Amino acid sequence: MNQQLQHQYLQTLGISQYVPRDTVYEDVAAESSADAVAKKDGQIPSFEIAAKTPKKPVDVAALVNLDLDNKKPASPAKPKAGITVSPVVEDAQPAIAIEVSFSFWQATEELLVCTAVEGALADTNEMQLLTNIVNAIGCGINRLPQMELIEWPPYPNAAGDESEVREFLATLLNARLDSKPVKSILMLGDSAANWLLSPDLEQQKETGRVVFSEQTTALLLPSLSSMLENPQQKAHAWKTLQYLLPVSSQS
């Protein structure tokens, strides 16, 4: 009996036996030859027939376990780590335009006075009060020098948030002090102190005296208008100004 035929019979009966490698190669070669002959005769090899045999339609709903009659809304996908999903904001309000102005007087070479402009420049009564304050600490002037105005926005339609406005004001003030160093700055009113002094100096503001730099100290006084409306504020201002008086005058 042919060995190859014997091997096929034994496989049919469920009996396994050792098959030499040459025999396996012969089987494969025989099958390949059969396919080649089939192609030559116009027949399609068996593996191509299997590939072209239509398959049974797949029930997709059953595979994913969907209840087509009682579908539930799909849960929203969770954002991936490191990605921030911002909610859509409707009718967002435009940024509020910031407008601030400050008056500067170089009273003496060692003293700079600044106050916020709130609605209008200082009137005659306020200017006279400021002159009296400056003379009370020994400046000896008849009238204040010409005022300088610093304001934001620096030009029409200039845009900037609070941090940008603070940076702009700090740059101008520091540039001025670099060109004309002063020993003391009188800041009149809360608005001047809040805008011209950096937030990290907040604790020093409570004492009324702030170390602005190594050579400059800022003294915080009530605004001119508040001292005129409430004369008791003058006593508070005078107490802060004692720092500028000679030691002999403080006793």
C-alpha atoms as a PDB file:
ATOM      1  CA  MET A   1       0.000   0.000   0.000  1.00  0.00           C
ATOM      2  CA  ASN A   2       1.201   3.471  -0.816  1.00  0.00           C
ATOM      3  CA  GLN A   3       2.582   5.133   2.328  1.00  0.00           C
ATOM      4  CA  GLN A   4       0.744   8.358   1.709  1.00  0.00           C
ATOM      5  CA  LEU A   5      -2.550   6.530   1.196  1.00  0.00           C
ATOM      6  CA  GLN A   6      -1.926   4.494   4.344  1.00  0.00           C
ATOM      7  CA  HIS A   7      -1.366   7.676   6.316  1.00  0.00           C
ATOM      8  CA  GLN A   8      -4.690   9.075   5.110  1.00  0.00           C
ATOM      9  CA  TYR A   9      -6.536   5.898   6.163  1.00  0.00           C
ATOM     10  CA  LEU A  10      -5.010   5.996   9.616  1.00  0.00           C
ATOM     11  CA  GLN A  11      -6.018   9.627  10.060  1.00  0.00           C
ATOM     12  CA  THR A  12      -9.579   8.753   9.084  1.00  0.00           C
ATOM     13  CA  LEU A  13      -9.631   6.104  11.823  1.00  0.00           C
ATOM     14  CA  GLY A  14      -8.265   8.565  14.380  1.00  0.00           C
ATOM     15  CA  ILE A  15      -4.863   6.873  14.639  1.00  0.00           C
ATOM     16  CA  SER A  16      -1.857   9.209  14.849  1.00  0.00           C
ATOM     17  CA  GLN A  17       1.578   8.163  13.801  1.00  0.00           C
ATOM     18  CA  TYR A  18       4.910   9.720  12.997  1.00  0.00           C
ATOM     19  CA  VAL A  19       4.990  11.227   9.538  1.00  0.00           C
ATOM     20  CA  PRO A  20       8.388  11.853   7.962  1.00  0.00           C
ATOM     21  CA  ARG A  21       9.119  15.420   6.944  1.00  0.00           C
ATOM     22  CA  ASP A  22       9.536  14.435   3.327  1.00  0.00           C
ATOM     23  CA  THR A  23       6.024  13.021   3.336  1.00  0.00           C
ATOM     24  CA  VAL A  24       4.557  16.300   4.598  1.00  0.00           C
ATOM     25  CA  TYR A  25       6.392  18.253   1.964  1.00  0.00           C
ATOM     26  CA  GLU A  26       5.141  15.817  -0.648  1.00  0.00           C
ATOM     27  CA  ASP A  27       1.551  16.345   0.538  1.00  0.00           C
ATOM     28  CA  VAL A  28       1.876  20.139   0.338  1.00  0.00           C
ATOM     29  CA  ALA A  29       3.512  19.907  -3.061  1.00  0.00           C
ATOM     30  CA  ALA A  30       0.741  17.615  -4.255  1.00  0.00           C
ATOM     31  CA  GLU A  31      -1.938  20.024  -3.042  1.00  0.00           C
ATOM     32  CA  SER A  32      -0.152  22.990  -4.669  1.00  0.00           C
ATOM     33  CA  SER A  33       0.107  21.040  -7.908  1.00  0.00           C
ATOM     34  CA  ALA A  34      -3.579  20.240  -7.736  1.00  0.00           C
ATOM     35  CA  ASP A  35      -4.427  23.915  -7.310  1.00  0.00           C
ATOM     36  CA  ALA A  36      -2.198  24.841 -10.204  1.00  0.00           C
ATOM     37  CA  VAL A  37      -3.885  22.267 -12.414  1.00  0.00           C
ATOM     38  CA  ALA A  38      -7.283  23.528 -11.314  1.00  0.00           C
ATOM     39  CA  LYS A  39      -6.385  27.099 -12.215  1.00  0.00           C
ATOM     40  CA  LYS A  40      -5.111  25.958 -15.602  1.00  0.00           C
ATOM     41  CA  ASP A  41      -8.412  24.199 -16.280  1.00  0.00           C
ATOM     42  CA  GLY A  42     -10.394  27.296 -15.325  1.00  0.00           C
ATOM     43  CA  GLN A  43     -11.395  26.047 -11.863  1.00  0.00           C
ATOM     44  CA  ILE A  44     -11.065  28.127  -8.672  1.00  0.00           C
ATOM     45  CA  PRO A  45      -8.937  26.622  -5.865  1.00  0.00           C
ATOM     46  CA  SER A  46     -10.740  25.433  -2.767  1.00  0.00           C
ATOM     47  CA  PHE A  47      -9.410  28.217  -0.461  1.00  0.00           C
ATOM     48  CA  GLU A  48     -10.732  30.869  -2.837  1.00  0.00           C
ATOM     49  CA  ILE A  49     -14.145  29.213  -2.878  1.00  0.00           C
ATOM     50  CA  ALA A  50     -14.197  29.278   0.915  1.00  0.00           C
ATOM     51  CA  ALA A  51     -13.256  32.939   0.927  1.00  0.00           C
ATOM     52  CA  LYS A  52     -16.053  33.801  -1.521  1.00  0.00           C
ATOM     53  CA  THR A  53     -18.721  31.778   0.274  1.00  0.00           C
ATOM     54  CA  PRO A  54     -21.260  34.247   1.678  1.00  0.00           C
ATOM     55  CA  LYS A  55     -21.343  34.319   5.448  1.00  0.00           C
ATOM     56  CA  LYS A  56     -24.354  34.412   7.672  1.00  0.00           C
ATOM     57  CA  PRO A  57     -25.367  38.009   8.480  1.00  0.00           C
ATOM     58  CA  VAL A  58     -24.065  39.132  11.866  1.00  0.00           C
ATOM     59  CA  ASP A  59     -26.570  40.409  14.418  1.00  0.00           C
ATOM     60  CA  VAL A  60     -24.761  43.573  15.448  1.00  0.00           C
ATOM     61  CA  ALA A  61     -27.360  44.464  18.070  1.00  0.00           C
ATOM     62  CA  ALA A  62     -26.863  41.110  19.760  1.00  0.00           C
ATOM     63  CA  LEU A  63     -23.093  41.464  19.745  1.00  0.00           C
ATOM     64  CA  VAL A  64     -23.122  44.793  21.578  1.00  0.00           C
ATOM     65  CA  ASN A  65     -26.105  43.815  23.749  1.00  0.00           C
ATOM     66  CA  LEU A  66     -28.279  46.754  22.739  1.00  0.00           C
ATOM     67  CA  ASP A  67     -31.908  46.996  23.770  1.00  0.00           C
ATOM     68  CA  LEU A  68     -33.283  48.508  20.582  1.00  0.00           C
ATOM     69  CA  ASP A  69     -36.738  49.004  22.078  1.00  0.00           C
ATOM     70  CA  ASN A  70     -35.572  50.743  25.256  1.00  0.00           C
ATOM     71  CA  LYS A  71     -32.428  52.614  24.321  1.00  0.00           C
ATOM     72  CA  LYS A  72     -30.864  54.761  27.044  1.00  0.00           C
ATOM     73  CA  PRO A  73     -28.996  57.965  26.226  1.00  0.00           C
ATOM     74  CA  ALA A  74     -25.276  57.406  25.977  1.00  0.00           C
ATOM     75  CA  SER A  75     -23.190  58.791  28.818  1.00  0.00           C
ATOM     76  CA  PRO A  76     -21.030  61.773  27.866  1.00  0.00           C
ATOM     77  CA  ALA A  77     -17.447  60.841  27.146  1.00  0.00           C
ATOM     78  CA  LYS A  78     -15.032  61.693  29.902  1.00  0.00           C
ATOM     79  CA  PRO A  79     -12.258  64.092  28.908  1.00  0.00           C
ATOM     80  CA  LYS A  80      -8.812  62.630  28.610  1.00  0.00           C
ATOM     81  CA  ALA A  81      -6.246  63.409  31.249  1.00  0.00           C
ATOM     82  CA  GLY A  82      -4.481  66.686  30.669  1.00  0.00           C
ATOM     83  CA  ILE A  83      -7.269  68.128  28.501  1.00  0.00           C
ATOM     84  CA  THR A  84      -9.567  70.768  29.961  1.00  0.00           C
ATOM     85  CA  VAL A  85     -13.052  70.956  28.511  1.00  0.00           C
ATOM     86  CA  SER A  86     -14.361  74.493  28.883  1.00  0.00           C
ATOM     87  CA  PRO A  87     -18.124  74.992  28.944  1.00  0.00           C
ATOM     88  CA  VAL A  88     -19.621  77.150  26.233  1.00  0.00           C
ATOM     89  CA  VAL A  89     -20.437  80.550  27.704  1.00  0.00           C
ATOM     90  CA  GLU A  90     -23.302  82.304  26.019  1.00  0.00           C
ATOM     91  CA  ASP A  91     -23.708  86.067  26.017  1.00  0.00           C
ATOM     92  CA  ALA A  92     -20.303  86.617  27.662  1.00  0.00           C
ATOM     93  CA  GLN A  93     -19.940  90.126  29.048  1.00  0.00           C
ATOM     94  CA  PRO A  94     -17.149  92.243  27.541  1.00  0.00           C
ATOM     95  CA  ALA A  95     -14.205  93.164  29.758  1.00  0.00           C
ATOM     96  CA  ILE A  96     -14.696  96.338  31.783  1.00  0.00           C
ATOM     97  CA  ALA A  97     -12.558  99.203  30.513  1.00  0.00           C
ATOM     98  CA  ILE A  98     -10.196 100.560  33.180  1.00  0.00           C
ATOM     99  CA  GLU A  99      -9.640 104.304  33.433  1.00  0.00           C
ATOM    100  CA  VAL A 100      -7.418 105.791  36.171  1.00  0.00           C
ATOM    101  CA  SER A 101      -5.591 109.118  36.493  1.00  0.00           C
ATOM    102  CA  PHE A 102      -3.022 110.420  38.987  1.00  0.00           C
ATOM    103  CA  SER A 103      -1.607 113.856  39.690  1.00  0.00           C
ATOM    104  CA  PHE A 104       2.101 114.199  40.546  1.00  0.00           C
ATOM    105  CA  TRP A 105       3.840 117.186  42.138  1.00  0.00           C
ATOM    106  CA  GLN A 106       7.585 117.319  42.662  1.00  0.00           C
ATOM    107  CA  ALA A 107       7.352 119.458  45.805  1.00  0.00           C
ATOM    108  CA  THR A 108      11.088 119.341  46.530  1.00  0.00           C
ATOM    109  CA  GLU A 109      14.032 117.308  45.320  1.00  0.00           C
ATOM    110  CA  GLU A 110      13.384 114.829  48.139  1.00  0.00           C
ATOM    111  CA  LEU A 111       9.563 114.838  48.169  1.00  0.00           C
ATOM    112  CA  LEU A 112       7.088 113.630  45.538  1.00  0.00           C
ATOM    113  CA  VAL A 113       3.341 114.019  46.080  1.00  0.00           C
ATOM    114  CA  CYS A 114       0.752 111.963  44.197  1.00  0.00           C
ATOM    115  CA  THR A 115      -3.004 111.671  44.410  1.00  0.00           C
ATOM    116  CA  ALA A 116      -5.706 109.984  42.373  1.00  0.00           C
ATOM    117  CA  VAL A 117      -7.873 112.113  40.112  1.00  0.00           C
ATOM    118  CA  GLU A 118     -11.442 111.102  40.817  1.00  0.00           C
ATOM    119  CA  GLY A 119     -13.781 112.948  38.532  1.00  0.00           C
ATOM    120  CA  ALA A 120     -11.917 116.249  38.492  1.00  0.00           C
ATOM    121  CA  LEU A 121      -8.534 117.766  39.237  1.00  0.00           C
ATOM    122  CA  ALA A 122      -7.855 119.274  42.667  1.00  0.00           C
ATOM    123  CA  ASP A 123      -9.695 122.538  43.201  1.00  0.00           C
ATOM    124  CA  THR A 124      -8.402 125.681  44.902  1.00  0.00           C
ATOM    125  CA  ASN A 125      -9.250 124.552  48.438  1.00  0.00           C
ATOM    126  CA  GLU A 126      -7.577 121.176  47.940  1.00  0.00           C
ATOM    127  CA  MET A 127      -4.473 122.798  46.475  1.00  0.00           C
ATOM    128  CA  GLN A 128      -4.232 125.184  49.438  1.00  0.00           C
ATOM    129  CA  LEU A 129      -4.578 122.270  51.887  1.00  0.00           C
ATOM    130  CA  LEU A 130      -1.825 120.359  50.121  1.00  0.00           C
ATOM    131  CA  THR A 131       0.437 123.421  50.200  1.00  0.00           C
ATOM    132  CA  ASN A 132      -0.145 123.737  53.960  1.00  0.00           C
ATOM    133  CA  ILE A 133       0.695 120.034  54.478  1.00  0.00           C
ATOM    134  CA  VAL A 134       3.940 120.320  52.518  1.00  0.00           C
ATOM    135  CA  ASN A 135       4.962 123.448  54.452  1.00  0.00           C
ATOM    136  CA  ALA A 136       4.090 121.803  57.763  1.00  0.00           C
ATOM    137  CA  ILE A 137       6.894 119.273  57.253  1.00  0.00           C
ATOM    138  CA  GLY A 138       9.417 122.003  56.526  1.00  0.00           C
ATOM    139  CA  CYS A 139       9.385 122.381  52.729  1.00  0.00           C
ATOM    140  CA  GLY A 140       8.832 126.170  52.819  1.00  0.00           C
ATOM    141  CA  ILE A 141       7.143 126.755  49.444  1.00  0.00           C
ATOM    142  CA  ASN A 142       4.670 129.444  48.437  1.00  0.00           C
ATOM    143  CA  ARG A 143       2.926 127.370  45.820  1.00  0.00           C
ATOM    144  CA  LEU A 144       3.156 123.851  44.421  1.00  0.00           C
ATOM    145  CA  PRO A 145       5.063 123.267  41.195  1.00  0.00           C
ATOM    146  CA  GLN A 146       3.248 122.430  37.981  1.00  0.00           C
ATOM    147  CA  MET A 147       1.291 119.219  38.150  1.00  0.00           C
ATOM    148  CA  GLU A 148       2.075 116.173  35.990  1.00  0.00           C
ATOM    149  CA  LEU A 149      -0.703 113.844  34.927  1.00  0.00           C
ATOM    150  CA  ILE A 150      -0.324 110.069  34.512  1.00  0.00           C
ATOM    151  CA  GLU A 151      -3.311 108.161  33.206  1.00  0.00           C
ATOM    152  CA  TRP A 152      -4.533 104.890  31.773  1.00  0.00           C
ATOM    153  CA  PRO A 153      -5.315 104.317  28.954  1.00  0.00           C
ATOM    154  CA  PRO A 154      -2.234 106.129  27.657  1.00  0.00           C
ATOM    155  CA  TYR A 155      -3.884 106.558  24.258  1.00  0.00           C
ATOM    156  CA  PRO A 156      -7.485 106.155  22.978  1.00  0.00           C
ATOM    157  CA  ASN A 157      -8.894 102.604  22.752  1.00  0.00           C
ATOM    158  CA  ALA A 158      -5.881 101.069  24.532  1.00  0.00           C
ATOM    159  CA  ALA A 159      -6.961  97.755  26.080  1.00  0.00           C
ATOM    160  CA  GLY A 160      -5.517  96.097  29.165  1.00  0.00           C
ATOM    161  CA  ASP A 161      -6.568  94.137  32.230  1.00  0.00           C
ATOM    162  CA  GLU A 162      -5.716  95.045  35.818  1.00  0.00           C
ATOM    163  CA  SER A 163      -2.292  93.402  35.774  1.00  0.00           C
ATOM    164  CA  GLU A 164      -1.324  95.277  32.603  1.00  0.00           C
ATOM    165  CA  VAL A 165      -2.473  98.593  34.069  1.00  0.00           C
ATOM    166  CA  ARG A 166      -0.466  97.972  37.245  1.00  0.00           C
ATOM    167  CA  GLU A 167       2.614  97.073  35.215  1.00  0.00           C
ATOM    168  CA  PHE A 168       2.242 100.247  33.151  1.00  0.00           C
ATOM    169  CA  LEU A 169       1.934 102.483  36.249  1.00  0.00           C
ATOM    170  CA  ALA A 170       4.810 100.761  38.031  1.00  0.00           C
ATOM    171  CA  THR A 171       7.037 101.173  34.972  1.00  0.00           C
ATOM    172  CA  LEU A 172       6.331 104.925  34.781  1.00  0.00           C
ATOM    173  CA  LEU A 173       6.811 105.508  38.501  1.00  0.00           C
ATOM    174  CA  ASN A 174      10.020 103.495  38.672  1.00  0.00           C
ATOM    175  CA  ALA A 175      11.406 105.282  35.622  1.00  0.00           C
ATOM    176  CA  ARG A 176      10.665 108.635  37.258  1.00  0.00           C
ATOM    177  CA  LEU A 177      12.346 107.634  40.506  1.00  0.00           C
ATOM    178  CA  ASP A 178      15.377 106.354  38.615  1.00  0.00           C
ATOM    179  CA  SER A 179      15.797 109.715  36.895  1.00  0.00           C
ATOM    180  CA  LYS A 180      14.964 111.808  40.000  1.00  0.00           C
ATOM    181  CA  PRO A 181      15.466 109.794  43.200  1.00  0.00           C
ATOM    182  CA  VAL A 182      13.374 111.018  46.137  1.00  0.00           C
ATOM    183  CA  LYS A 183      13.422 110.206  49.820  1.00  0.00           C
ATOM    184  CA  SER A 184       9.652 110.268  50.401  1.00  0.00           C
ATOM    185  CA  ILE A 185       6.398 109.921  48.454  1.00  0.00           C
ATOM    186  CA  LEU A 186       3.137 111.260  49.846  1.00  0.00           C
ATOM    187  CA  MET A 187       0.285 109.119  48.481  1.00  0.00           C
ATOM    188  CA  LEU A 188      -3.067 110.775  49.112  1.00  0.00           C
ATOM    189  CA  GLY A 189      -6.146 108.544  49.124  1.00  0.00           C
ATOM    190  CA  ASP A 190      -6.708 104.793  49.001  1.00  0.00           C
ATOM    191  CA  SER A 191      -6.918 104.709  45.207  1.00  0.00           C
ATOM    192  CA  ALA A 192      -3.370 106.036  44.795  1.00  0.00           C
ATOM    193  CA  ALA A 193      -1.976 103.507  47.256  1.00  0.00           C
ATOM    194  CA  ASN A 194      -3.916 100.597  45.772  1.00  0.00           C
ATOM    195  CA  TRP A 195      -2.818 101.263  42.204  1.00  0.00           C
ATOM    196  CA  LEU A 196       0.720 102.564  42.642  1.00  0.00           C
ATOM    197  CA  LEU A 197       1.895 100.095  45.283  1.00  0.00           C
ATOM    198  CA  SER A 198       2.203  96.391  44.506  1.00  0.00           C
ATOM    199  CA  PRO A 199      -0.233  94.023  46.286  1.00  0.00           C
ATOM    200  CA  ASP A 200       2.611  92.282  48.154  1.00  0.00           C
ATOM    201  CA  LEU A 201       3.015  95.472  50.226  1.00  0.00           C
ATOM    202  CA  GLU A 202      -0.523  95.168  51.623  1.00  0.00           C
ATOM    203  CA  GLN A 203       0.585  94.416  55.196  1.00  0.00           C
ATOM    204  CA  GLN A 204       2.780  97.524  55.322  1.00  0.00           C
ATOM    205  CA  LYS A 205      -0.136  99.715  54.231  1.00  0.00           C
ATOM    206  CA  GLU A 206      -1.814  99.237  57.594  1.00  0.00           C
ATOM    207  CA  THR A 207       0.975 101.164  59.301  1.00  0.00           C
ATOM    208  CA  GLY A 208       0.689 104.081  56.880  1.00  0.00           C
ATOM    209  CA  ARG A 209       4.346 103.766  55.933  1.00  0.00           C
ATOM    210  CA  VAL A 210       5.590 101.547  53.114  1.00  0.00           C
ATOM    211  CA  VAL A 211       9.188 100.859  52.115  1.00  0.00           C
ATOM    212  CA  PHE A 212       8.928 101.434  48.381  1.00  0.00           C
ATOM    213  CA  SER A 213      12.625 100.895  47.656  1.00  0.00           C
ATOM    214  CA  GLU A 214      15.984 101.098  49.418  1.00  0.00           C
ATOM    215  CA  GLN A 215      16.048 104.888  49.122  1.00  0.00           C
ATOM    216  CA  THR A 216      12.319 105.741  49.042  1.00  0.00           C
ATOM    217  CA  THR A 217       9.538 105.459  51.621  1.00  0.00           C
ATOM    218  CA  ALA A 218       5.861 106.015  50.779  1.00  0.00           C
ATOM    219  CA  LEU A 219       3.574 107.665  53.363  1.00  0.00           C
ATOM    220  CA  LEU A 220      -0.145 106.961  52.999  1.00  0.00           C
ATOM    221  CA  LEU A 221      -2.479 109.859  53.828  1.00  0.00           C
ATOM    222  CA  PRO A 222      -6.228 110.426  53.434  1.00  0.00           C
ATOM    223  CA  SER A 223      -7.346 112.110  50.229  1.00  0.00           C
ATOM    224  CA  LEU A 224      -7.557 115.896  50.118  1.00  0.00           C
ATOM    225  CA  SER A 225     -11.320 115.838  49.660  1.00  0.00           C
ATOM    226  CA  SER A 226     -11.849 113.536  52.671  1.00  0.00           C
ATOM    227  CA  MET A 227      -9.697 115.769  54.908  1.00  0.00           C
ATOM    228  CA  LEU A 228     -11.738 118.811  53.889  1.00  0.00           C
ATOM    229  CA  GLU A 229     -15.025 117.015  54.468  1.00  0.00           C
ATOM    230  CA  ASN A 230     -13.870 115.454  57.727  1.00  0.00           C
ATOM    231  CA  PRO A 231     -11.292 117.612  59.568  1.00  0.00           C
ATOM    232  CA  GLN A 232     -10.530 114.744  61.947  1.00  0.00           C
ATOM    233  CA  GLN A 233      -8.726 113.082  59.055  1.00  0.00           C
ATOM    234  CA  LYS A 234      -6.123 115.878  59.285  1.00  0.00           C
ATOM    235  CA  ALA A 235      -5.069 114.592  62.701  1.00  0.00           C
ATOM    236  CA  HIS A 236      -4.562 111.130  61.238  1.00  0.00           C
ATOM    237  CA  ALA A 237      -2.468 112.568  58.406  1.00  0.00           C
ATOM    238  CA  TRP A 238      -0.350 114.613  60.824  1.00  0.00           C
ATOM    239  CA  LYS A 239       0.421 111.530  62.876  1.00  0.00           C
ATOM    240  CA  THR A 240       1.766 109.763  59.760  1.00  0.00           C
ATOM    241  CA  LEU A 241       3.769 112.831  58.714  1.00  0.00           C
ATOM    242  CA  GLN A 242       5.706 112.796  62.002  1.00  0.00           C
ATOM    243  CA  TYR A 243       8.106 110.383  60.299  1.00  0.00           C
ATOM    244  CA  LEU A 244       9.390 113.220  58.091  1.00  0.00           C
ATOM    245  CA  LEU A 245       9.988 115.693  60.911  1.00  0.00           C
ATOM    246  CA  PRO A 246      13.376 116.141  62.575  1.00  0.00           C
ATOM    247  CA  VAL A 247      13.677 114.334  65.902  1.00  0.00           C
ATOM    248  CA  SER A 248      13.782 117.644  67.784  1.00  0.00           C
ATOM    249  CA  SER A 249      10.443 118.711  66.213  1.00  0.00           C
ATOM    250  CA  GLN A 250       8.659 115.482  67.161  1.00  0.00           C
ATOM    251  CA  SER A 251       9.055 116.044  70.917  1.00  0.00           C
END
